[in-house]
Amino acid sequence: MTAGGVSAGGHRHVFAGIARGSYETGFASGLLDKDVRIAARLALRVGTRATVCDAVRRRLDVATEGLGFGVDSACAYRHWKAEDDT
């Protein structure tokens, strides 16, 4: 069991549920976007590049612009998938 309450093998189940649309995280996409921005700024302050944070932030920006700040962060994946399929 991890601190978040999901076992190591459970992550596959959670991701599969998000992909199917049957699982919600309970965490707003806008808040996730904010947290990634904080991590990127912290990385810059300590003198390192945050290329992964920057890439994630750009994708979250797309989802937040398309869906709004308050939607569940699991909806971001479905939003990206729908965009990628077009």
Protein backbone atom coordinates (compact mmCIF):
# COMPACT_ATOMS: atom_id res chain seq x y z
CA MET A 1 0.00 0.00 0.00
CA THR A 2 1.32 3.47 -0.81
CA ALA A 3 0.73 6.65 1.16
CA GLY A 4 -2.09 7.49 -1.26
CA GLY A 5 -3.86 4.23 -0.51
CA VAL A 6 -3.38 2.55 -3.91
CA SER A 7 -1.32 -0.62 -4.10
CA ALA A 8 1.47 -0.84 -6.66
CA GLY A 9 -0.60 -3.14 -8.88
CA GLY A 10 -3.65 -0.96 -8.41
CA HIS A 11 -2.22 1.84 -10.53
CA ARG A 12 -2.91 -0.16 -13.70
CA HIS A 13 -6.52 -0.57 -12.62
CA VAL A 14 -6.90 3.15 -11.88
CA PHE A 15 -5.38 4.17 -15.23
CA ALA A 16 -7.60 1.70 -17.09
CA GLY A 17 -10.63 3.17 -15.31
CA ILE A 18 -9.62 6.70 -16.28
CA ALA A 19 -9.16 5.65 -19.90
CA ARG A 20 -12.61 3.98 -19.95
CA GLY A 21 -14.17 7.00 -18.30
CA SER A 22 -15.31 5.04 -15.25
CA TYR A 23 -12.91 6.52 -12.70
CA GLU A 24 -12.61 10.05 -11.37
CA THR A 25 -9.65 11.29 -9.32
CA GLY A 26 -11.55 13.75 -7.15
CA PHE A 27 -8.94 16.41 -7.94
CA ALA A 28 -9.66 19.40 -10.18
CA SER A 29 -7.58 19.72 -13.34
CA GLY A 30 -6.93 23.37 -12.59
CA LEU A 31 -5.44 22.47 -9.21
CA LEU A 32 -3.25 19.84 -10.84
CA ASP A 33 -2.12 22.47 -13.36
CA LYS A 34 -1.31 24.83 -10.47
CA ASP A 35 0.71 22.15 -8.66
CA VAL A 36 2.74 21.37 -11.80
CA ARG A 37 3.48 25.09 -12.22
CA ILE A 38 4.69 25.25 -8.61
CA ALA A 39 6.98 22.26 -9.19
CA ALA A 40 8.39 23.87 -12.36
CA ARG A 41 9.09 27.14 -10.56
CA LEU A 42 10.76 25.29 -7.70
CA ALA A 43 12.99 23.42 -10.16
CA LEU A 44 14.05 26.72 -11.72
CA ARG A 45 14.79 28.20 -8.29
CA VAL A 46 17.18 25.38 -7.47
CA GLY A 47 18.88 25.75 -10.83
CA THR A 48 17.56 22.82 -12.82
CA ARG A 49 15.37 22.54 -15.88
CA ALA A 50 11.90 21.14 -15.51
CA THR A 51 11.28 19.88 -19.03
CA VAL A 52 8.80 17.22 -17.93
CA CYS A 53 6.88 19.75 -15.83
CA ASP A 54 6.85 22.14 -18.77
CA ALA A 55 5.48 19.46 -21.11
CA VAL A 56 2.83 18.37 -18.60
CA ARG A 57 1.86 21.98 -17.95
CA ARG A 58 1.34 22.63 -21.67
CA ARG A 59 -0.94 19.60 -21.91
CA LEU A 60 -2.83 20.60 -18.76
CA ASP A 61 -3.28 24.11 -20.15
CA VAL A 62 -4.99 22.59 -23.20
CA ALA A 63 -7.33 20.54 -21.00
CA THR A 64 -8.07 23.41 -18.62
CA GLU A 65 -8.83 25.76 -21.52
CA GLY A 66 -11.10 23.18 -23.13
CA LEU A 67 -12.85 21.88 -20.03
CA GLY A 68 -12.53 24.55 -17.36
CA PHE A 69 -10.64 24.82 -14.08
CA GLY A 70 -12.91 22.73 -11.89
CA VAL A 71 -13.42 19.51 -13.86
CA ASP A 72 -11.95 16.29 -12.54
CA SER A 73 -8.35 15.81 -13.62
CA ALA A 74 -9.24 12.39 -15.11
CA CYS A 75 -11.25 14.31 -17.72
CA ALA A 76 -7.99 15.82 -18.97
CA TYR A 77 -6.87 12.43 -20.28
CA ARG A 78 -10.15 11.88 -22.08
CA HIS A 79 -9.95 15.41 -23.52
CA TRP A 80 -6.44 14.79 -24.89
CA LYS A 81 -7.46 11.42 -26.29
CA ALA A 82 -10.43 12.96 -28.09
CA GLU A 83 -8.19 15.70 -29.52
CA ASP A 84 -5.55 13.18 -30.60
CA ASP A 85 -8.19 11.04 -32.33
CA THR A 86 -9.33 13.94 -34.53
